[in-house]
C-alpha atoms as a PDB file:
ATOM      1  CA  MET A   1     163.919-172.831  31.629  1.00  0.00           C
ATOM      2  CA  TRP A   2     162.042-170.997  29.100  1.00  0.00           C
ATOM      3  CA  GLU A   3     159.253-171.292  30.580  1.00  0.00           C
ATOM      4  CA  ARG A   4     160.255-169.163  34.034  1.00  0.00           C
ATOM      5  CA  ILE A   5     161.853-166.388  31.498  1.00  0.00           C
ATOM      6  CA  LEU A   6     158.619-166.181  29.610  1.00  0.00           C
ATOM      7  CA  GLN A   7     157.318-166.100  33.263  1.00  0.00           C
ATOM      8  CA  ALA A   8     159.635-163.594  34.247  1.00  0.00           C
ATOM      9  CA  VAL A   9     159.551-161.273  31.022  1.00  0.00           C
ATOM     10  CA  PHE A  10     155.212-161.774  30.690  1.00  0.00           C
ATOM     11  CA  PRO A  11     154.247-162.637  34.180  1.00  0.00           C
ATOM     12  CA  ASP A  12     150.298-164.162  33.572  1.00  0.00           C
ATOM     13  CA  ALA A  13     147.702-161.812  34.265  1.00  0.00           C
ATOM     14  CA  CYS A  14     144.282-162.873  35.772  1.00  0.00           C
ATOM     15  CA  VAL A  15     141.467-163.723  32.891  1.00  0.00           C
ATOM     16  CA  GLY A  16     139.013-161.601  35.048  1.00  0.00           C
ATOM     17  CA  CYS A  17     140.979-158.456  36.628  1.00  0.00           C
ATOM     18  CA  GLN A  18     143.966-158.457  35.415  1.00  0.00           C
ATOM     19  CA  GLN A  19     146.442-158.398  38.532  1.00  0.00           C
ATOM     20  CA  LEU A  20     149.672-159.757  37.296  1.00  0.00           C
ATOM     21  CA  GLY A  21     150.256-163.519  39.298  1.00  0.00           C
ATOM     22  CA  GLY A  22     148.287-166.242  37.673  1.00  0.00           C
ATOM     23  CA  PHE A  23     145.357-167.018  35.160  1.00  0.00           C
ATOM     24  CA  LEU A  24     143.195-166.995  37.795  1.00  0.00           C
ATOM     25  CA  CYS A  25     143.041-165.653  40.993  1.00  0.00           C
ATOM     26  CA  ASP A  26     141.179-166.507  44.106  1.00  0.00           C
ATOM     27  CA  ARG A  27     139.080-163.241  44.319  1.00  0.00           C
ATOM     28  CA  CYS A  28     137.535-163.600  40.868  1.00  0.00           C
ATOM     29  CA  MET A  29     137.512-167.715  41.170  1.00  0.00           C
ATOM     30  CA  ALA A  30     135.504-166.757  44.020  1.00  0.00           C
ATOM     31  CA  THR A  31     132.115-165.346  41.673  1.00  0.00           C
ATOM     32  CA  CYS A  32     131.959-167.998  39.180  1.00  0.00           C
ATOM     33  CA  PRO A  33     129.336-169.856  39.298  1.00  0.00           C
ATOM     34  CA  LEU A  34     129.347-173.661  39.990  1.00  0.00           C
ATOM     35  CA  TYR A  35     127.375-175.780  38.458  1.00  0.00           C
ATOM     36  CA  GLU A  36     124.072-176.946  40.171  1.00  0.00           C
ATOM     37  CA  GLY A  37     121.718-178.382  37.244  1.00  0.00           C
ATOM     38  CA  ASP A  38     121.209-181.331  35.494  1.00  0.00           C
ATOM     39  CA  VAL A  39     123.978-182.915  33.098  1.00  0.00           C
ATOM     40  CA  PRO A  40     122.534-185.130  30.177  1.00  0.00           C
ATOM     41  CA  GLU A  41     121.776-188.504  30.184  1.00  0.00           C
ATOM     42  CA  MET A  42     125.290-190.198  28.928  1.00  0.00           C
ATOM     43  CA  HIS A  43     123.865-194.383  28.940  1.00  0.00           C
ATOM     44  CA  GLY A  44     124.192-194.073  33.521  1.00  0.00           C
ATOM     45  CA  VAL A  45     128.097-192.762  33.268  1.00  0.00           C
ATOM     46  CA  PRO A  46     128.070-190.177  35.845  1.00  0.00           C
ATOM     47  CA  CYS A  47     129.241-186.455  35.234  1.00  0.00           C
ATOM     48  CA  VAL A  48     130.927-184.195  37.170  1.00  0.00           C
ATOM     49  CA  VAL A  49     130.800-180.589  35.339  1.00  0.00           C
ATOM     50  CA  GLN A  50     132.453-178.079  37.918  1.00  0.00           C
ATOM     51  CA  PHE A  51     131.190-174.014  36.987  1.00  0.00           C
ATOM     52  CA  VAL A  52     128.584-172.766  34.329  1.00  0.00           C
ATOM     53  CA  TYR A  53     129.995-171.637  30.971  1.00  0.00           C
ATOM     54  CA  THR A  54     130.159-168.090  31.174  1.00  0.00           C
ATOM     55  CA  GLY A  55     131.995-164.962  32.295  1.00  0.00           C
ATOM     56  CA  MET A  56     135.704-165.717  33.197  1.00  0.00           C
ATOM     57  CA  ILE A  57     135.365-169.374  33.074  1.00  0.00           C
ATOM     58  CA  ARG A  58     134.674-169.302  29.162  1.00  0.00           C
ATOM     59  CA  ARG A  59     136.943-166.955  28.171  1.00  0.00           C
ATOM     60  CA  ALA A  60     139.367-169.007  29.991  1.00  0.00           C
ATOM     61  CA  ILE A  61     138.473-171.712  27.955  1.00  0.00           C
ATOM     62  CA  LEU A  62     137.988-169.803  24.683  1.00  0.00           C
ATOM     63  CA  LEU A  63     141.910-168.479  25.593  1.00  0.00           C
ATOM     64  CA  LEU A  64     142.688-172.222  26.120  1.00  0.00           C
ATOM     65  CA  LYS A  65     141.296-173.493  23.135  1.00  0.00           C
ATOM     66  CA  TYR A  66     141.873-170.534  20.428  1.00  0.00           C
ATOM     67  CA  ALA A  67     144.614-168.149  21.663  1.00  0.00           C
ATOM     68  CA  GLY A  68     147.397-170.335  22.553  1.00  0.00           C
ATOM     69  CA  ARG A  69     147.429-170.781  26.524  1.00  0.00           C
ATOM     70  CA  ARG A  70     148.702-174.075  26.722  1.00  0.00           C
ATOM     71  CA  ARG A  71     148.894-173.163  30.284  1.00  0.00           C
ATOM     72  CA  MET A  72     145.456-172.417  31.369  1.00  0.00           C
ATOM     73  CA  ALA A  73     144.919-176.345  31.057  1.00  0.00           C
ATOM     74  CA  ASP A  74     146.692-176.249  34.373  1.00  0.00           C
ATOM     75  CA  ALA A  75     145.368-173.272  35.835  1.00  0.00           C
ATOM     76  CA  LEU A  76     141.201-174.674  35.171  1.00  0.00           C
ATOM     77  CA  ALA A  77     142.707-178.228  36.521  1.00  0.00           C
ATOM     78  CA  ALA A  78     143.889-177.059  39.897  1.00  0.00           C
ATOM     79  CA  HIS A  79     139.912-176.018  40.397  1.00  0.00           C
ATOM     80  CA  LEU A  80     138.803-179.577  39.619  1.00  0.00           C
ATOM     81  CA  PRO A  81     138.155-182.333  42.086  1.00  0.00           C
ATOM     82  CA  ALA A  82     139.677-185.592  42.272  1.00  0.00           C
ATOM     83  CA  LEU A  83     137.232-188.642  40.918  1.00  0.00           C
ATOM     84  CA  CYS A  84     136.897-192.368  42.328  1.00  0.00           C
ATOM     85  CA  GLY A  85     138.436-191.877  46.084  1.00  0.00           C
ATOM     86  CA  GLY A  86     141.887-192.504  45.321  1.00  0.00           C
ATOM     87  CA  GLN A  87     141.888-195.142  43.125  1.00  0.00           C
ATOM     88  CA  ARG A  88     144.727-195.339  39.843  1.00  0.00           C
ATOM     89  CA  VAL A  89     142.464-193.312  37.564  1.00  0.00           C
ATOM     90  CA  CYS A  90     143.125-193.195  33.763  1.00  0.00           C
ATOM     91  CA  TYR A  91     142.680-189.494  32.552  1.00  0.00           C
ATOM     92  CA  VAL A  92     141.337-190.131  28.874  1.00  0.00           C
ATOM     93  CA  PRO A  93     140.709-186.862  26.862  1.00  0.00           C
ATOM     94  CA  ILE A  94     137.443-186.465  24.225  1.00  0.00           C
ATOM     95  CA  PRO A  95     139.562-186.016  21.295  1.00  0.00           C
ATOM     96  CA  ALA A  96     139.735-182.900  19.196  1.00  0.00           C
ATOM     97  CA  ALA A  97     138.415-183.682  15.103  1.00  0.00           C
ATOM     98  CA  PRO A  98     142.070-184.085  13.314  1.00  0.00           C
ATOM     99  CA  ALA A  99     141.883-180.808  11.397  1.00  0.00           C
ATOM    100  CA  ARG A 100     141.903-178.490  14.483  1.00  0.00           C
ATOM    101  CA  VAL A 101     144.588-179.861  16.395  1.00  0.00           C
ATOM    102  CA  ALA A 102     146.823-179.851  13.368  1.00  0.00           C
ATOM    103  CA  GLN A 103     145.399-176.011  13.227  1.00  0.00           C
ATOM    104  CA  ARG A 104     145.495-175.436  17.003  1.00  0.00           C
ATOM    105  CA  GLY A 105     149.119-177.559  17.094  1.00  0.00           C
ATOM    106  CA  TYR A 106     147.267-179.188  20.376  1.00  0.00           C
ATOM    107  CA  ASP A 107     144.277-180.490  21.862  1.00  0.00           C
ATOM    108  CA  GLN A 108     143.082-178.856  24.969  1.00  0.00           C
ATOM    109  CA  ALA A 109     141.293-181.972  26.342  1.00  0.00           C
ATOM    110  CA  VAL A 110     144.405-183.586  26.444  1.00  0.00           C
ATOM    111  CA  LEU A 111     146.396-180.885  28.339  1.00  0.00           C
ATOM    112  CA  LEU A 112     143.265-180.670  30.850  1.00  0.00           C
ATOM    113  CA  ALA A 113     143.903-184.456  31.315  1.00  0.00           C
ATOM    114  CA  ASN A 114     147.536-184.526  31.177  1.00  0.00           C
ATOM    115  CA  ALA A 115     146.848-181.924  34.132  1.00  0.00           C
ATOM    116  CA  LEU A 116     144.747-183.653  36.341  1.00  0.00           C
ATOM    117  CA  ALA A 117     146.727-186.430  36.230  1.00  0.00           C
ATOM    118  CA  LEU A 118     149.546-184.859  37.270  1.00  0.00           C
ATOM    119  CA  ARG A 119     147.689-183.554  39.792  1.00  0.00           C
ATOM    120  CA  HIS A 120     145.921-186.426  41.096  1.00  0.00           C
ATOM    121  CA  HIS A 121     148.614-189.263  40.269  1.00  0.00           C
ATOM    122  CA  GLY A 122     146.576-190.614  37.757  1.00  0.00           C
ATOM    123  CA  TYR A 123     147.549-191.422  34.319  1.00  0.00           C
ATOM    124  CA  VAL A 124     146.542-190.252  30.472  1.00  0.00           C
ATOM    125  CA  SER A 125     145.809-192.854  28.288  1.00  0.00           C
ATOM    126  CA  CYS A 126     144.904-191.480  24.163  1.00  0.00           C
ATOM    127  CA  GLN A 127     143.825-194.429  23.265  1.00  0.00           C
ATOM    128  CA  LEU A 128     140.665-193.058  22.162  1.00  0.00           C
ATOM    129  CA  VAL A 129     140.614-191.354  18.483  1.00  0.00           C
ATOM    130  CA  ARG A 130     138.275-189.302  16.904  1.00  0.00           C
ATOM    131  CA  VAL A 131     138.640-191.324  13.324  1.00  0.00           C
ATOM    132  CA  ARG A 132     136.734-188.084  11.087  1.00  0.00           C
ATOM    133  CA  ASN A 133     136.472-184.473  11.028  1.00  0.00           C
ATOM    134  CA  THR A 134     133.010-183.487  12.668  1.00  0.00           C
ATOM    135  CA  PRO A 135     131.576-179.799  11.845  1.00  0.00           C
ATOM    136  CA  THR A 136     132.367-177.635  15.187  1.00  0.00           C
ATOM    137  CA  GLN A 137     128.949-178.562  17.296  1.00  0.00           C
ATOM    138  CA  ALA A 138     128.685-174.882  18.313  1.00  0.00           C
ATOM    139  CA  LYS A 139     126.146-174.111  15.924  1.00  0.00           C
ATOM    140  CA  LEU A 140     123.906-176.901  15.651  1.00  0.00           C
ATOM    141  CA  ASN A 141     120.398-177.716  17.356  1.00  0.00           C
ATOM    142  CA  ARG A 142     120.226-180.629  19.728  1.00  0.00           C
ATOM    143  CA  GLN A 143     119.249-183.263  16.784  1.00  0.00           C
ATOM    144  CA  GLN A 144     121.974-182.667  14.666  1.00  0.00           C
ATOM    145  CA  ARG A 145     124.501-182.295  17.614  1.00  0.00           C
ATOM    146  CA  HIS A 146     124.162-185.957  18.119  1.00  0.00           C
ATOM    147  CA  THR A 147     124.104-186.931  14.223  1.00  0.00           C
ATOM    148  CA  ASN A 148     127.525-184.883  13.454  1.00  0.00           C
ATOM    149  CA  VAL A 149     129.535-187.253  16.364  1.00  0.00           C
ATOM    150  CA  GLN A 150     127.480-190.398  15.653  1.00  0.00           C
ATOM    151  CA  SER A 151     130.581-193.142  14.529  1.00  0.00           C
ATOM    152  CA  ALA A 152     132.996-190.449  15.105  1.00  0.00           C
ATOM    153  CA  PHE A 153     135.083-192.166  17.912  1.00  0.00           C
ATOM    154  CA  ALA A 154     136.915-195.162  18.088  1.00  0.00           C
ATOM    155  CA  TRP A 155     139.772-197.053  20.670  1.00  0.00           C
ATOM    156  CA  TYR A 156     143.156-198.149  19.187  1.00  0.00           C
ATOM    157  CA  GLY A 157     144.387-200.686  21.840  1.00  0.00           C
ATOM    158  CA  PRO A 158     143.440-203.070  24.565  1.00  0.00           C
ATOM    159  CA  ALA A 159     140.634-202.014  27.068  1.00  0.00           C
ATOM    160  CA  ILE A 160     141.916-200.147  30.527  1.00  0.00           C
ATOM    161  CA  ARG A 161     140.370-202.423  33.248  1.00  0.00           C
ATOM    162  CA  ASP A 162     141.240-198.937  36.266  1.00  0.00           C
ATOM    163  CA  PRO A 163     138.630-196.280  36.353  1.00  0.00           C
ATOM    164  CA  ILE A 164     138.275-194.199  33.563  1.00  0.00           C
ATOM    165  CA  VAL A 165     137.700-190.640  33.702  1.00  0.00           C
ATOM    166  CA  LEU A 166     136.732-189.015  30.479  1.00  0.00           C
ATOM    167  CA  VAL A 167     137.590-185.697  29.992  1.00  0.00           C
ATOM    168  CA  ASP A 168     136.609-182.435  28.042  1.00  0.00           C
ATOM    169  CA  ASP A 169     136.029-178.803  27.958  1.00  0.00           C
ATOM    170  CA  VAL A 170     132.725-178.224  27.685  1.00  0.00           C
ATOM    171  CA  CYS A 171     129.503-180.447  27.591  1.00  0.00           C
ATOM    172  CA  THR A 172     126.675-179.152  26.291  1.00  0.00           C
ATOM    173  CA  THR A 173     124.224-181.398  25.278  1.00  0.00           C
ATOM    174  CA  GLY A 174     126.505-184.235  25.817  1.00  0.00           C
ATOM    175  CA  ALA A 175     126.110-185.685  22.374  1.00  0.00           C
ATOM    176  CA  THR A 176     130.187-186.101  21.874  1.00  0.00           C
ATOM    177  CA  LEU A 177     130.436-187.415  25.693  1.00  0.00           C
ATOM    178  CA  SER A 178     127.999-189.937  24.899  1.00  0.00           C
ATOM    179  CA  ALA A 179     129.535-190.669  21.314  1.00  0.00           C
ATOM    180  CA  ALA A 180     132.888-191.520  23.080  1.00  0.00           C
ATOM    181  CA  ILE A 181     131.028-193.749  25.940  1.00  0.00           C
ATOM    182  CA  ALA A 182     129.659-195.721  23.560  1.00  0.00           C
ATOM    183  CA  VAL A 183     132.654-197.200  22.191  1.00  0.00           C
ATOM    184  CA  LEU A 184     134.209-197.959  25.585  1.00  0.00           C
ATOM    185  CA  HIS A 185     130.803-199.772  26.425  1.00  0.00           C
ATOM    186  CA  GLU A 186     131.303-201.916  23.645  1.00  0.00           C
ATOM    187  CA  LEU A 187     134.850-202.887  24.633  1.00  0.00           C
ATOM    188  CA  GLY A 188     133.209-203.414  28.455  1.00  0.00           C
ATOM    189  CA  MET A 189     134.943-200.846  29.904  1.00  0.00           C
ATOM    190  CA  ARG A 190     132.673-199.954  32.480  1.00  0.00           C
ATOM    191  CA  ARG A 191     134.179-198.715  35.261  1.00  0.00           C
ATOM    192  CA  LEU A 192     133.503-194.600  33.721  1.00  0.00           C
ATOM    193  CA  MET A 193     132.713-191.622  34.691  1.00  0.00           C
ATOM    194  CA  VAL A 194     133.039-187.812  33.312  1.00  0.00           C
ATOM    195  CA  GLN A 195     134.869-184.617  34.130  1.00  0.00           C
ATOM    196  CA  VAL A 196     133.879-181.544  32.665  1.00  0.00           C
ATOM    197  CA  VAL A 197     134.963-178.252  33.110  1.00  0.00           C
ATOM    198  CA  ALA A 198     131.728-176.302  32.219  1.00  0.00           C
ATOM    199  CA  ARG A 199     128.427-176.752  31.081  1.00  0.00           C
ATOM    200  CA  GLY A 200     127.264-174.415  28.533  1.00  0.00           C
ATOM    201  CA  ILE A 201     123.008-173.629  28.055  1.00  0.00           C
ATOM    202  CA  LEU A 202     121.749-174.642  24.340  1.00  0.00           C
ATOM    203  CA  THR A 203     119.950-171.666  23.558  1.00  0.00           C
END
């Protein structure tokens, strides 16, 4: 109820053109570059990246992560394809560091996974846990990123036998995703795919 009231009083405006009606209008989304380059090698796991991390997509992700725009996850998920050919899929978010989740009050990857599961009739598992507060990857080089996330993840609970889609907002070198995949592989979970909103380029 409160959501409808807030929408009536403060309607969403497009991140690109400020048109009222939604965070990501169709006209602006048509200008967002799709990602068509290579993806990082991640233990042979297929990775689907939808956009280049620039322009309106970058602004949308930053608003989701740092400005409390939780419903931006739904807007972004609406532009991500269904994977695994209609099978029952488990969406597993790549967890943010506990300190950042505590600061924000939510984990943006969890919101994205929930939105994708609802849209594509899957379900979400948060059994993948980040067990230490790693420094942010943003200012690290390629080697530092891989070192930073070593042994950063653990899996709690039974292994999942359904196809798994690992979900994250941005992938740059693939270090974080690769570290998470290694944990799942150790437990015998190999029916994996990765779904990422956007690919950043390391400069």
